[in-house]
Amino acid sequence: VASISSDGSTYYEDSVKGRFTISRD
């Protein structure tokens, strides 16, 4: 669905772009 790198860059599957947000602490 989505991924996030160690430095914070993100990827989203097309169907969820603009609706989902991935983050990490």
PDB file of all heavy atoms in Angstrom:
ATOM      1  N   VAL A   1       0.826  -1.200   0.000  1.00  0.00           N
ATOM      2  CA  VAL A   1       0.000   0.000   0.000  1.00  0.00           C
ATOM      3  C   VAL A   1       0.862   1.252   0.000  1.00  0.00           C
ATOM      4  O   VAL A   1       0.607   2.204  -0.747  1.00  0.00           O
ATOM      5  CB  VAL A   1      -0.947   0.011   1.215  1.00  0.00           C
ATOM      6  CG1 VAL A   1      -1.733   1.314   1.270  1.00  0.00           C
ATOM      7  CG2 VAL A   1      -1.890  -1.182   1.152  1.00  0.00           C
ATOM      8  N   ALA A   2       1.864   1.266   0.857  1.00  0.00           N
ATOM      9  CA  ALA A   2       2.738   2.421   0.991  1.00  0.00           C
ATOM     10  C   ALA A   2       4.035   1.997   1.637  1.00  0.00           C
ATOM     11  O   ALA A   2       4.079   1.011   2.370  1.00  0.00           O
ATOM     12  CB  ALA A   2       2.073   3.516   1.833  1.00  0.00           C
ATOM     13  N   SER A   3       5.091   2.736   1.379  1.00  0.00           N
ATOM     14  CA  SER A   3       6.375   2.461   2.010  1.00  0.00           C
ATOM     15  C   SER A   3       7.055   3.768   2.369  1.00  0.00           C
ATOM     16  O   SER A   3       6.741   4.828   1.818  1.00  0.00           O
ATOM     17  CB  SER A   3       7.274   1.620   1.105  1.00  0.00           C
ATOM     18  OG  SER A   3       7.622   2.322  -0.074  1.00  0.00           O
ATOM     19  N   ILE A   4       7.992   3.662   3.290  1.00  0.00           N
ATOM     20  CA  ILE A   4       8.745   4.830   3.719  1.00  0.00           C
ATOM     21  C   ILE A   4      10.175   4.410   3.999  1.00  0.00           C
ATOM     22  O   ILE A   4      10.431   3.396   4.649  1.00  0.00           O
ATOM     23  CB  ILE A   4       8.091   5.492   4.954  1.00  0.00           C
ATOM     24  CG1 ILE A   4       8.842   6.766   5.347  1.00  0.00           C
ATOM     25  CG2 ILE A   4       7.993   4.517   6.120  1.00  0.00           C
ATOM     26  CD1 ILE A   4       8.078   7.618   6.358  1.00  0.00           C
ATOM     27  N   SER A   5      11.116   5.165   3.492  1.00  0.00           N
ATOM     28  CA  SER A   5      12.521   4.857   3.675  1.00  0.00           C
ATOM     29  C   SER A   5      12.996   5.336   5.038  1.00  0.00           C
ATOM     30  O   SER A   5      12.279   6.022   5.773  1.00  0.00           O
ATOM     31  CB  SER A   5      13.359   5.501   2.578  1.00  0.00           C
ATOM     32  OG  SER A   5      13.392   6.907   2.736  1.00  0.00           O
ATOM     33  N   SER A   6      14.234   4.999   5.355  1.00  0.00           N
ATOM     34  CA  SER A   6      14.792   5.424   6.629  1.00  0.00           C
ATOM     35  C   SER A   6      14.921   6.941   6.727  1.00  0.00           C
ATOM     36  O   SER A   6      14.900   7.489   7.831  1.00  0.00           O
ATOM     37  CB  SER A   6      16.158   4.770   6.853  1.00  0.00           C
ATOM     38  OG  SER A   6      17.069   5.128   5.832  1.00  0.00           O
ATOM     39  N   ASP A   7      15.053   7.617   5.581  1.00  0.00           N
ATOM     40  CA  ASP A   7      15.168   9.069   5.597  1.00  0.00           C
ATOM     41  C   ASP A   7      13.849   9.788   5.337  1.00  0.00           C
ATOM     42  O   ASP A   7      13.822  11.009   5.218  1.00  0.00           O
ATOM     43  CB  ASP A   7      16.230   9.545   4.613  1.00  0.00           C
ATOM     44  CG  ASP A   7      15.886   9.265   3.158  1.00  0.00           C
ATOM     45  OD1 ASP A   7      14.771   8.781   2.877  1.00  0.00           O
ATOM     46  OD2 ASP A   7      16.734   9.542   2.295  1.00  0.00           O
ATOM     47  N   GLY A   8      12.761   9.013   5.208  1.00  0.00           N
ATOM     48  CA  GLY A   8      11.455   9.621   5.115  1.00  0.00           C
ATOM     49  C   GLY A   8      10.828   9.722   3.739  1.00  0.00           C
ATOM     50  O   GLY A   8       9.696  10.212   3.620  1.00  0.00           O
ATOM     51  N   SER A   9      11.509   9.287   2.700  1.00  0.00           N
ATOM     52  CA  SER A   9      10.896   9.310   1.380  1.00  0.00           C
ATOM     53  C   SER A   9       9.791   8.268   1.319  1.00  0.00           C
ATOM     54  O   SER A   9       9.907   7.191   1.911  1.00  0.00           O
ATOM     55  CB  SER A   9      11.929   9.080   0.287  1.00  0.00           C
ATOM     56  OG  SER A   9      12.535   7.805   0.427  1.00  0.00           O
ATOM     57  N   THR A  10       8.723   8.574   0.598  1.00  0.00           N
ATOM     58  CA  THR A  10       7.539   7.724   0.619  1.00  0.00           C
ATOM     59  C   THR A  10       7.114   7.270  -0.763  1.00  0.00           C
ATOM     60  O   THR A  10       7.428   7.901  -1.780  1.00  0.00           O
ATOM     61  CB  THR A  10       6.357   8.439   1.282  1.00  0.00           C
ATOM     62  OG1 THR A  10       6.083   9.659   0.580  1.00  0.00           O
ATOM     63  CG2 THR A  10       6.667   8.760   2.733  1.00  0.00           C
ATOM     64  N   TYR A  11       6.385   6.177  -0.771  1.00  0.00           N
ATOM     65  CA  TYR A  11       5.776   5.634  -1.974  1.00  0.00           C
ATOM     66  C   TYR A  11       4.353   5.237  -1.635  1.00  0.00           C
ATOM     67  O   TYR A  11       4.085   4.732  -0.542  1.00  0.00           O
ATOM     68  CB  TYR A  11       6.541   4.400  -2.469  1.00  0.00           C
ATOM     69  CG  TYR A  11       5.709   3.522  -3.380  1.00  0.00           C
ATOM     70  CD1 TYR A  11       5.607   3.786  -4.736  1.00  0.00           C
ATOM     71  CD2 TYR A  11       4.992   2.439  -2.862  1.00  0.00           C
ATOM     72  CE1 TYR A  11       4.821   3.003  -5.559  1.00  0.00           C
ATOM     73  CE2 TYR A  11       4.202   1.652  -3.685  1.00  0.00           C
ATOM     74  CZ  TYR A  11       4.117   1.936  -5.035  1.00  0.00           C
ATOM     75  OH  TYR A  11       3.330   1.160  -5.858  1.00  0.00           O
ATOM     76  N   TYR A  12       3.429   5.448  -2.594  1.00  0.00           N
ATOM     77  CA  TYR A  12       2.043   5.059  -2.408  1.00  0.00           C
ATOM     78  C   TYR A  12       1.519   4.338  -3.638  1.00  0.00           C
ATOM     79  O   TYR A  12       1.810   4.735  -4.776  1.00  0.00           O
ATOM     80  CB  TYR A  12       1.152   6.272  -2.144  1.00  0.00           C
ATOM     81  CG  TYR A  12       1.499   7.007  -0.883  1.00  0.00           C
ATOM     82  CD1 TYR A  12       2.341   8.111  -0.915  1.00  0.00           C
ATOM     83  CD2 TYR A  12       0.991   6.597   0.348  1.00  0.00           C
ATOM     84  CE1 TYR A  12       2.671   8.783   0.254  1.00  0.00           C
ATOM     85  CE2 TYR A  12       1.315   7.265   1.513  1.00  0.00           C
ATOM     86  CZ  TYR A  12       2.156   8.355   1.462  1.00  0.00           C
ATOM     87  OH  TYR A  12       2.482   9.026   2.617  1.00  0.00           O
ATOM     88  N   GLU A  13       0.755   3.298  -3.402  1.00  0.00           N
ATOM     89  CA  GLU A  13       0.046   2.645  -4.481  1.00  0.00           C
ATOM     90  C   GLU A  13      -0.968   3.642  -5.042  1.00  0.00           C
ATOM     91  O   GLU A  13      -1.536   4.448  -4.303  1.00  0.00           O
ATOM     92  CB  GLU A  13      -0.634   1.385  -3.945  1.00  0.00           C
ATOM     93  CG  GLU A  13      -1.148   0.438  -5.000  1.00  0.00           C
ATOM     94  CD  GLU A  13      -2.553   0.785  -5.432  1.00  0.00           C
ATOM     95  OE1 GLU A  13      -3.336   1.254  -4.586  1.00  0.00           O
ATOM     96  OE2 GLU A  13      -2.864   0.587  -6.619  1.00  0.00           O
ATOM     97  N   ASP A  14      -1.184   3.589  -6.339  1.00  0.00           N
ATOM     98  CA  ASP A  14      -1.994   4.607  -7.000  1.00  0.00           C
ATOM     99  C   ASP A  14      -3.374   4.807  -6.373  1.00  0.00           C
ATOM    100  O   ASP A  14      -3.853   5.939  -6.260  1.00  0.00           O
ATOM    101  CB  ASP A  14      -2.162   4.273  -8.484  1.00  0.00           C
ATOM    102  CG  ASP A  14      -0.903   4.505  -9.288  1.00  0.00           C
ATOM    103  OD1 ASP A  14       0.010   5.179  -8.793  1.00  0.00           O
ATOM    104  OD2 ASP A  14      -0.835   4.005 -10.431  1.00  0.00           O
ATOM    105  N   SER A  15      -4.002   3.728  -5.974  1.00  0.00           N
ATOM    106  CA  SER A  15      -5.371   3.823  -5.482  1.00  0.00           C
ATOM    107  C   SER A  15      -5.495   4.552  -4.145  1.00  0.00           C
ATOM    108  O   SER A  15      -6.601   4.947  -3.767  1.00  0.00           O
ATOM    109  CB  SER A  15      -5.996   2.435  -5.368  1.00  0.00           C
ATOM    110  OG  SER A  15      -5.392   1.675  -4.345  1.00  0.00           O
ATOM    111  N   VAL A  16      -4.389   4.727  -3.434  1.00  0.00           N
ATOM    112  CA  VAL A  16      -4.457   5.387  -2.132  1.00  0.00           C
ATOM    113  C   VAL A  16      -3.774   6.743  -2.110  1.00  0.00           C
ATOM    114  O   VAL A  16      -3.820   7.432  -1.081  1.00  0.00           O
ATOM    115  CB  VAL A  16      -3.869   4.499  -1.011  1.00  0.00           C
ATOM    116  CG1 VAL A  16      -4.501   3.113  -1.042  1.00  0.00           C
ATOM    117  CG2 VAL A  16      -2.356   4.400  -1.123  1.00  0.00           C
ATOM    118  N   LYS A  17      -3.170   7.138  -3.206  1.00  0.00           N
ATOM    119  CA  LYS A  17      -2.494   8.438  -3.265  1.00  0.00           C
ATOM    120  C   LYS A  17      -3.477   9.566  -2.965  1.00  0.00           C
ATOM    121  O   LYS A  17      -4.581   9.598  -3.487  1.00  0.00           O
ATOM    122  CB  LYS A  17      -1.866   8.655  -4.639  1.00  0.00           C
ATOM    123  CG  LYS A  17      -0.634   7.824  -4.906  1.00  0.00           C
ATOM    124  CD  LYS A  17      -0.062   8.114  -6.288  1.00  0.00           C
ATOM    125  CE  LYS A  17       1.182   7.293  -6.553  1.00  0.00           C
ATOM    126  NZ  LYS A  17       1.707   7.523  -7.925  1.00  0.00           N
ATOM    127  N   GLY A  18      -3.044  10.461  -2.112  1.00  0.00           N
ATOM    128  CA  GLY A  18      -3.888  11.584  -1.733  1.00  0.00           C
ATOM    129  C   GLY A  18      -4.827  11.287  -0.596  1.00  0.00           C
ATOM    130  O   GLY A  18      -5.449  12.213  -0.056  1.00  0.00           O
ATOM    131  N   ARG A  19      -4.948  10.020  -0.224  1.00  0.00           N
ATOM    132  CA  ARG A  19      -5.855   9.641   0.847  1.00  0.00           C
ATOM    133  C   ARG A  19      -5.119   9.076   2.062  1.00  0.00           C
ATOM    134  O   ARG A  19      -5.547   9.286   3.197  1.00  0.00           O
ATOM    135  CB  ARG A  19      -6.864   8.599   0.361  1.00  0.00           C
ATOM    136  CG  ARG A  19      -7.735   9.088  -0.785  1.00  0.00           C
ATOM    137  CD  ARG A  19      -8.857   8.090  -1.097  1.00  0.00           C
ATOM    138  NE  ARG A  19      -8.349   6.793  -1.526  1.00  0.00           N
ATOM    139  CZ  ARG A  19      -8.576   5.648  -0.887  1.00  0.00           C
ATOM    140  NH1 ARG A  19      -9.327   5.632   0.211  1.00  0.00           N
ATOM    141  NH2 ARG A  19      -8.084   4.507  -1.359  1.00  0.00           N
ATOM    142  N   PHE A  20      -4.027   8.340   1.813  1.00  0.00           N
ATOM    143  CA  PHE A  20      -3.267   7.708   2.885  1.00  0.00           C
ATOM    144  C   PHE A  20      -1.937   8.431   3.070  1.00  0.00           C
ATOM    145  O   PHE A  20      -1.347   8.938   2.110  1.00  0.00           O
ATOM    146  CB  PHE A  20      -2.973   6.244   2.560  1.00  0.00           C
ATOM    147  CG  PHE A  20      -4.169   5.333   2.566  1.00  0.00           C
ATOM    148  CD1 PHE A  20      -5.466   5.823   2.666  1.00  0.00           C
ATOM    149  CD2 PHE A  20      -3.982   3.966   2.470  1.00  0.00           C
ATOM    150  CE1 PHE A  20      -6.557   4.967   2.664  1.00  0.00           C
ATOM    151  CE2 PHE A  20      -5.060   3.099   2.469  1.00  0.00           C
ATOM    152  CZ  PHE A  20      -6.345   3.594   2.566  1.00  0.00           C
ATOM    153  N   THR A  21      -1.451   8.431   4.297  1.00  0.00           N
ATOM    154  CA  THR A  21      -0.150   8.998   4.606  1.00  0.00           C
ATOM    155  C   THR A  21       0.614   8.040   5.508  1.00  0.00           C
ATOM    156  O   THR A  21       0.130   7.685   6.585  1.00  0.00           O
ATOM    157  CB  THR A  21      -0.274  10.359   5.299  1.00  0.00           C
ATOM    158  OG1 THR A  21      -1.008  11.264   4.472  1.00  0.00           O
ATOM    159  CG2 THR A  21       1.112  10.945   5.561  1.00  0.00           C
ATOM    160  N   ILE A  22       1.786   7.631   5.062  1.00  0.00           N
ATOM    161  CA  ILE A  22       2.635   6.769   5.869  1.00  0.00           C
ATOM    162  C   ILE A  22       3.665   7.628   6.595  1.00  0.00           C
ATOM    163  O   ILE A  22       4.176   8.605   6.042  1.00  0.00           O
ATOM    164  CB  ILE A  22       3.317   5.690   4.998  1.00  0.00           C
ATOM    165  CG1 ILE A  22       4.045   4.659   5.866  1.00  0.00           C
ATOM    166  CG2 ILE A  22       4.260   6.314   3.978  1.00  0.00           C
ATOM    167  CD1 ILE A  22       4.553   3.452   5.083  1.00  0.00           C
ATOM    168  N   SER A  23       3.956   7.272   7.827  1.00  0.00           N
ATOM    169  CA  SER A  23       4.944   7.994   8.603  1.00  0.00           C
ATOM    170  C   SER A  23       5.588   7.036   9.592  1.00  0.00           C
ATOM    171  O   SER A  23       5.124   5.912   9.775  1.00  0.00           O
ATOM    172  CB  SER A  23       4.324   9.194   9.327  1.00  0.00           C
ATOM    173  OG  SER A  23       3.316   8.775  10.233  1.00  0.00           O
ATOM    174  N   ARG A  24       6.656   7.492  10.223  1.00  0.00           N
ATOM    175  CA  ARG A  24       7.332   6.646  11.195  1.00  0.00           C
ATOM    176  C   ARG A  24       7.904   7.494  12.314  1.00  0.00           C
ATOM    177  O   ARG A  24       8.278   8.655  12.123  1.00  0.00           O
ATOM    178  CB  ARG A  24       8.438   5.818  10.527  1.00  0.00           C
ATOM    179  CG  ARG A  24       9.599   6.642   9.961  1.00  0.00           C
ATOM    180  CD  ARG A  24      10.469   5.810   9.018  1.00  0.00           C
ATOM    181  NE  ARG A  24      11.087   4.689   9.695  1.00  0.00           N
ATOM    182  CZ  ARG A  24      11.653   3.650   9.073  1.00  0.00           C
ATOM    183  NH1 ARG A  24      11.648   3.598   7.743  1.00  0.00           N
ATOM    184  NH2 ARG A  24      12.198   2.668   9.776  1.00  0.00           N
ATOM    185  N   ASP A  25       7.978   6.900  13.483  1.00  0.00           N
ATOM    186  CA  ASP A  25       8.614   7.502  14.640  1.00  0.00           C
ATOM    187  C   ASP A  25       9.703   6.533  15.065  1.00  0.00           C
ATOM    188  O   ASP A  25       9.438   5.544  15.749  1.00  0.00           O
ATOM    189  CB  ASP A  25       7.607   7.735  15.757  1.00  0.00           C
ATOM    190  CG  ASP A  25       8.204   8.492  16.926  1.00  0.00           C
ATOM    191  OD1 ASP A  25       9.438   8.486  17.093  1.00  0.00           O
ATOM    192  OD2 ASP A  25       7.427   9.101  17.692  1.00  0.00           O
TER     193      ASP A  25
END
